[in-house]
Amino acid sequence: MKTFKGKKITVLGSVKAVGDIAPDFTVLNSELEPASLSDYKEKYIVLNVVPSLDTSVCDLQTRTVNQELADNKDTLVLTISNDLPFAQSRWCGNSGIDNVITLSDYKDLDFANKYGVLIEENRLLARAIFVLNEKREIIYLEYLDEMGKHPNYDSLIEFMKNLPEA
């Protein structure tokens, strides 16, 4: 059962599993321009999915994932939420972090539906983390059951440390 602040929620979309090929998706970048998974060429991509950057858990998750993985060679972190691009840009400016790539799925919910993270009740994204390899296979994932909880950072960081380099 999935919950948001202890209340049952319905999460829609196609749930993924380790080994699945990550579907391409189209979202908006901070310039309100379309951006797709296929636009990014790094060997490893971390999809850091949060309900809203304006909440304390999402703020800390985004900071932690970006800071901990910033030195990983051949790795790019994409933070995806349904916040408007304006709000995402404001968060980046206020956070003092300038290397965060934020993408917004608010317009078409293309990412949410393809990755099984659309919260029906409030049109936010369910908290999750996906790691993709160069073939865009999902090699690590964590869907959270309670949206107010943090992902297992230690597990993610340990997994990323053990990935083969180019």
C-alpha atoms as a PDB file:
ATOM      1  CA  MET A   1       0.000   0.000   0.000  1.00  0.00           C
ATOM      2  CA  LYS A   2       1.249   3.474  -0.926  1.00  0.00           C
ATOM      3  CA  THR A   3       0.648   6.406   1.424  1.00  0.00           C
ATOM      4  CA  PHE A   4       1.153  10.152   1.513  1.00  0.00           C
ATOM      5  CA  LYS A   5       1.404  11.529   5.064  1.00  0.00           C
ATOM      6  CA  GLY A   6      -0.170   8.289   6.263  1.00  0.00           C
ATOM      7  CA  LYS A   7      -3.206   8.479   3.951  1.00  0.00           C
ATOM      8  CA  LYS A   8      -3.697   5.806   1.289  1.00  0.00           C
ATOM      9  CA  ILE A   9      -2.978   6.966  -2.258  1.00  0.00           C
ATOM     10  CA  THR A  10      -3.345   5.498  -5.729  1.00  0.00           C
ATOM     11  CA  VAL A  11      -0.214   5.468  -7.869  1.00  0.00           C
ATOM     12  CA  LEU A  12      -0.800   5.108 -11.595  1.00  0.00           C
ATOM     13  CA  GLY A  13       1.402   4.207 -14.532  1.00  0.00           C
ATOM     14  CA  SER A  14       3.578   1.362 -15.693  1.00  0.00           C
ATOM     15  CA  VAL A  15       5.691   0.113 -12.769  1.00  0.00           C
ATOM     16  CA  LYS A  16       9.221  -0.806 -13.776  1.00  0.00           C
ATOM     17  CA  ALA A  17      11.590  -3.536 -12.566  1.00  0.00           C
ATOM     18  CA  VAL A  18      15.334  -4.010 -12.543  1.00  0.00           C
ATOM     19  CA  GLY A  19      16.302  -5.284 -15.994  1.00  0.00           C
ATOM     20  CA  ASP A  20      13.612  -3.334 -17.848  1.00  0.00           C
ATOM     21  CA  ILE A  21      14.663  -0.943 -20.589  1.00  0.00           C
ATOM     22  CA  ALA A  22      13.920   2.581 -19.382  1.00  0.00           C
ATOM     23  CA  PRO A  23      11.359   4.125 -21.708  1.00  0.00           C
ATOM     24  CA  ASP A  24      12.230   7.441 -23.307  1.00  0.00           C
ATOM     25  CA  PHE A  25      10.103  10.290 -21.993  1.00  0.00           C
ATOM     26  CA  THR A  26       9.542  13.971 -22.676  1.00  0.00           C
ATOM     27  CA  VAL A  27       9.473  16.572 -19.888  1.00  0.00           C
ATOM     28  CA  LEU A  28      10.260  20.296 -19.706  1.00  0.00           C
ATOM     29  CA  ASN A  29      13.626  21.714 -18.691  1.00  0.00           C
ATOM     30  CA  SER A  30      14.169  24.971 -16.811  1.00  0.00           C
ATOM     31  CA  GLU A  31      13.898  26.916 -20.086  1.00  0.00           C
ATOM     32  CA  LEU A  32      10.403  25.454 -20.727  1.00  0.00           C
ATOM     33  CA  GLU A  33      11.845  23.444 -23.610  1.00  0.00           C
ATOM     34  CA  PRO A  34      11.190  19.747 -24.173  1.00  0.00           C
ATOM     35  CA  ALA A  35      13.856  17.418 -22.817  1.00  0.00           C
ATOM     36  CA  SER A  36      13.997  13.659 -23.255  1.00  0.00           C
ATOM     37  CA  LEU A  37      15.962  10.837 -21.678  1.00  0.00           C
ATOM     38  CA  SER A  38      17.580  10.296 -25.081  1.00  0.00           C
ATOM     39  CA  ASP A  39      19.100  13.818 -24.870  1.00  0.00           C
ATOM     40  CA  TYR A  40      21.516  12.688 -22.155  1.00  0.00           C
ATOM     41  CA  LYS A  41      24.528  10.604 -23.140  1.00  0.00           C
ATOM     42  CA  GLU A  42      26.299   9.868 -19.840  1.00  0.00           C
ATOM     43  CA  LYS A  43      27.089   6.226 -19.125  1.00  0.00           C
ATOM     44  CA  TYR A  44      24.930   6.186 -15.972  1.00  0.00           C
ATOM     45  CA  ILE A  45      21.844   8.259 -15.306  1.00  0.00           C
ATOM     46  CA  VAL A  46      20.171   8.569 -11.920  1.00  0.00           C
ATOM     47  CA  LEU A  47      16.509   9.578 -12.075  1.00  0.00           C
ATOM     48  CA  ASN A  48      15.823  11.223  -8.721  1.00  0.00           C
ATOM     49  CA  VAL A  49      12.026  11.467  -8.505  1.00  0.00           C
ATOM     50  CA  VAL A  50      10.388  13.702  -5.889  1.00  0.00           C
ATOM     51  CA  PRO A  51       6.839  14.959  -5.212  1.00  0.00           C
ATOM     52  CA  SER A  52       7.888  18.621  -4.768  1.00  0.00           C
ATOM     53  CA  LEU A  53      11.220  20.359  -4.243  1.00  0.00           C
ATOM     54  CA  ASP A  54       9.449  22.770  -1.869  1.00  0.00           C
ATOM     55  CA  THR A  55       9.164  20.141   0.863  1.00  0.00           C
ATOM     56  CA  SER A  56      11.843  19.275   3.399  1.00  0.00           C
ATOM     57  CA  VAL A  57      12.146  15.574   2.458  1.00  0.00           C
ATOM     58  CA  CYS A  58      12.388  16.320  -1.281  1.00  0.00           C
ATOM     59  CA  ASP A  59      14.856  19.134  -0.645  1.00  0.00           C
ATOM     60  CA  LEU A  60      17.104  16.872   1.418  1.00  0.00           C
ATOM     61  CA  GLN A  61      16.754  13.965  -1.029  1.00  0.00           C
ATOM     62  CA  THR A  62      17.777  16.141  -3.963  1.00  0.00           C
ATOM     63  CA  ARG A  63      20.700  17.680  -2.082  1.00  0.00           C
ATOM     64  CA  THR A  64      21.905  14.308  -0.789  1.00  0.00           C
ATOM     65  CA  VAL A  65      21.680  12.443  -4.094  1.00  0.00           C
ATOM     66  CA  ASN A  66      23.384  15.251  -6.016  1.00  0.00           C
ATOM     67  CA  GLN A  67      26.133  15.846  -3.455  1.00  0.00           C
ATOM     68  CA  GLU A  68      26.896  12.166  -2.885  1.00  0.00           C
ATOM     69  CA  LEU A  69      26.982  11.273  -6.568  1.00  0.00           C
ATOM     70  CA  ALA A  70      28.566  14.462  -7.950  1.00  0.00           C
ATOM     71  CA  ASP A  71      32.022  12.883  -8.061  1.00  0.00           C
ATOM     72  CA  ASN A  72      30.925   9.650  -9.699  1.00  0.00           C
ATOM     73  CA  LYS A  73      32.554   9.516 -13.101  1.00  0.00           C
ATOM     74  CA  ASP A  74      30.215   9.123 -16.079  1.00  0.00           C
ATOM     75  CA  THR A  75      27.124   9.727 -13.924  1.00  0.00           C
ATOM     76  CA  LEU A  76      24.403  12.343 -14.372  1.00  0.00           C
ATOM     77  CA  VAL A  77      21.601  12.990 -11.877  1.00  0.00           C
ATOM     78  CA  LEU A  78      18.249  14.222 -13.220  1.00  0.00           C
ATOM     79  CA  THR A  79      15.751  15.378 -10.617  1.00  0.00           C
ATOM     80  CA  ILE A  80      12.176  15.068 -11.853  1.00  0.00           C
ATOM     81  CA  SER A  81       9.043  16.477 -10.218  1.00  0.00           C
ATOM     82  CA  ASN A  82       5.736  18.020 -11.216  1.00  0.00           C
ATOM     83  CA  ASP A  83       6.821  21.401  -9.878  1.00  0.00           C
ATOM     84  CA  LEU A  84       6.609  24.107 -12.510  1.00  0.00           C
ATOM     85  CA  PRO A  85       9.984  24.869 -14.116  1.00  0.00           C
ATOM     86  CA  PHE A  86       9.834  28.349 -12.519  1.00  0.00           C
ATOM     87  CA  ALA A  87       9.548  26.813  -9.045  1.00  0.00           C
ATOM     88  CA  GLN A  88      12.352  24.356  -9.820  1.00  0.00           C
ATOM     89  CA  SER A  89      14.625  27.218 -10.935  1.00  0.00           C
ATOM     90  CA  ARG A  90      13.743  29.205  -7.808  1.00  0.00           C
ATOM     91  CA  TRP A  91      14.587  26.175  -5.633  1.00  0.00           C
ATOM     92  CA  CYS A  92      17.950  25.766  -7.378  1.00  0.00           C
ATOM     93  CA  GLY A  93      18.769  29.444  -6.840  1.00  0.00           C
ATOM     94  CA  ASN A  94      17.677  29.433  -3.199  1.00  0.00           C
ATOM     95  CA  SER A  95      19.456  26.161  -2.442  1.00  0.00           C
ATOM     96  CA  GLY A  96      22.830  27.450  -3.561  1.00  0.00           C
ATOM     97  CA  ILE A  97      23.326  24.339  -5.684  1.00  0.00           C
ATOM     98  CA  ASP A  98      24.083  25.201  -9.281  1.00  0.00           C
ATOM     99  CA  ASN A  99      24.805  21.767 -10.751  1.00  0.00           C
ATOM    100  CA  VAL A 100      21.343  20.253 -10.247  1.00  0.00           C
ATOM    101  CA  ILE A 101      19.407  19.395 -13.400  1.00  0.00           C
ATOM    102  CA  THR A 102      15.687  19.682 -12.731  1.00  0.00           C
ATOM    103  CA  LEU A 103      13.016  18.501 -15.126  1.00  0.00           C
ATOM    104  CA  SER A 104       9.267  19.059 -14.880  1.00  0.00           C
ATOM    105  CA  ASP A 105       6.617  16.507 -15.840  1.00  0.00           C
ATOM    106  CA  TYR A 106       3.675  18.770 -14.978  1.00  0.00           C
ATOM    107  CA  LYS A 107       2.511  19.324 -18.554  1.00  0.00           C
ATOM    108  CA  ASP A 108       1.961  15.865 -20.064  1.00  0.00           C
ATOM    109  CA  LEU A 109       2.773  13.427 -17.228  1.00  0.00           C
ATOM    110  CA  ASP A 110       4.726  11.420 -19.792  1.00  0.00           C
ATOM    111  CA  PHE A 111       7.416  10.364 -17.315  1.00  0.00           C
ATOM    112  CA  ALA A 112       4.903   9.673 -14.518  1.00  0.00           C
ATOM    113  CA  ASN A 113       2.803   7.338 -16.640  1.00  0.00           C
ATOM    114  CA  LYS A 114       5.754   5.479 -18.162  1.00  0.00           C
ATOM    115  CA  TYR A 115       7.510   4.927 -14.796  1.00  0.00           C
ATOM    116  CA  GLY A 116       4.538   4.216 -12.523  1.00  0.00           C
ATOM    117  CA  VAL A 117       4.878   7.286 -10.307  1.00  0.00           C
ATOM    118  CA  LEU A 118       1.715   9.374 -10.837  1.00  0.00           C
ATOM    119  CA  ILE A 119      -0.149  10.006  -7.589  1.00  0.00           C
ATOM    120  CA  GLU A 120      -3.770  10.157  -8.747  1.00  0.00           C
ATOM    121  CA  GLU A 121      -5.093  12.137  -5.777  1.00  0.00           C
ATOM    122  CA  ASN A 122      -2.814  15.159  -6.108  1.00  0.00           C
ATOM    123  CA  ARG A 123      -1.091  14.830  -9.517  1.00  0.00           C
ATOM    124  CA  LEU A 124       2.352  14.754  -7.896  1.00  0.00           C
ATOM    125  CA  LEU A 125       5.088  12.221  -8.564  1.00  0.00           C
ATOM    126  CA  ALA A 126       5.621   9.357  -6.133  1.00  0.00           C
ATOM    127  CA  ARG A 127       9.079   9.283  -4.550  1.00  0.00           C
ATOM    128  CA  ALA A 128      11.437   6.922  -6.392  1.00  0.00           C
ATOM    129  CA  ILE A 129      14.998   6.483  -7.630  1.00  0.00           C
ATOM    130  CA  PHE A 130      16.077   4.746 -10.833  1.00  0.00           C
ATOM    131  CA  VAL A 131      19.644   4.091 -12.005  1.00  0.00           C
ATOM    132  CA  LEU A 132      20.128   3.435 -15.712  1.00  0.00           C
ATOM    133  CA  ASN A 133      23.188   2.031 -17.453  1.00  0.00           C
ATOM    134  CA  GLU A 134      24.520   2.987 -20.892  1.00  0.00           C
ATOM    135  CA  LYS A 135      22.048   0.603 -22.576  1.00  0.00           C
ATOM    136  CA  ARG A 136      19.339   2.429 -20.565  1.00  0.00           C
ATOM    137  CA  GLU A 137      18.486  -0.702 -18.648  1.00  0.00           C
ATOM    138  CA  ILE A 138      17.213  -0.105 -15.140  1.00  0.00           C
ATOM    139  CA  ILE A 139      19.958  -1.512 -12.929  1.00  0.00           C
ATOM    140  CA  TYR A 140      18.745  -0.147  -9.572  1.00  0.00           C
ATOM    141  CA  LEU A 141      15.411   1.155  -8.404  1.00  0.00           C
ATOM    142  CA  GLU A 142      13.565   2.066  -5.277  1.00  0.00           C
ATOM    143  CA  TYR A 143       9.865   2.917  -5.140  1.00  0.00           C
ATOM    144  CA  LEU A 144       8.892   4.229  -1.720  1.00  0.00           C
ATOM    145  CA  ASP A 145       5.665   3.165  -0.043  1.00  0.00           C
ATOM    146  CA  GLU A 146       5.338   6.298   2.140  1.00  0.00           C
ATOM    147  CA  MET A 147       5.982   9.544   0.280  1.00  0.00           C
ATOM    148  CA  GLY A 148       7.164  11.306   3.452  1.00  0.00           C
ATOM    149  CA  LYS A 149      10.051   8.865   3.984  1.00  0.00           C
ATOM    150  CA  HIS A 150      13.566   9.105   2.597  1.00  0.00           C
ATOM    151  CA  PRO A 151      15.017   6.624   0.127  1.00  0.00           C
ATOM    152  CA  ASN A 152      17.789   4.321   1.287  1.00  0.00           C
ATOM    153  CA  TYR A 153      20.705   6.656   0.541  1.00  0.00           C
ATOM    154  CA  ASP A 154      23.312   4.218   1.860  1.00  0.00           C
ATOM    155  CA  SER A 155      22.127   1.480  -0.489  1.00  0.00           C
ATOM    156  CA  LEU A 156      22.125   3.830  -3.489  1.00  0.00           C
ATOM    157  CA  ILE A 157      25.570   5.267  -2.723  1.00  0.00           C
ATOM    158  CA  GLU A 158      27.068   1.819  -2.156  1.00  0.00           C
ATOM    159  CA  PHE A 159      25.534   0.570  -5.415  1.00  0.00           C
ATOM    160  CA  MET A 160      26.934   3.529  -7.343  1.00  0.00           C
ATOM    161  CA  LYS A 161      30.417   3.079  -5.848  1.00  0.00           C
ATOM    162  CA  ASN A 162      30.552  -0.461  -7.198  1.00  0.00           C
ATOM    163  CA  LEU A 163      29.614   0.329 -10.804  1.00  0.00           C
ATOM    164  CA  PRO A 164      32.294  -0.397 -13.417  1.00  0.00           C
ATOM    165  CA  GLU A 165      33.976   2.679 -14.860  1.00  0.00           C
ATOM    166  CA  ALA A 166      34.312   3.349 -18.579  1.00  0.00           C
END
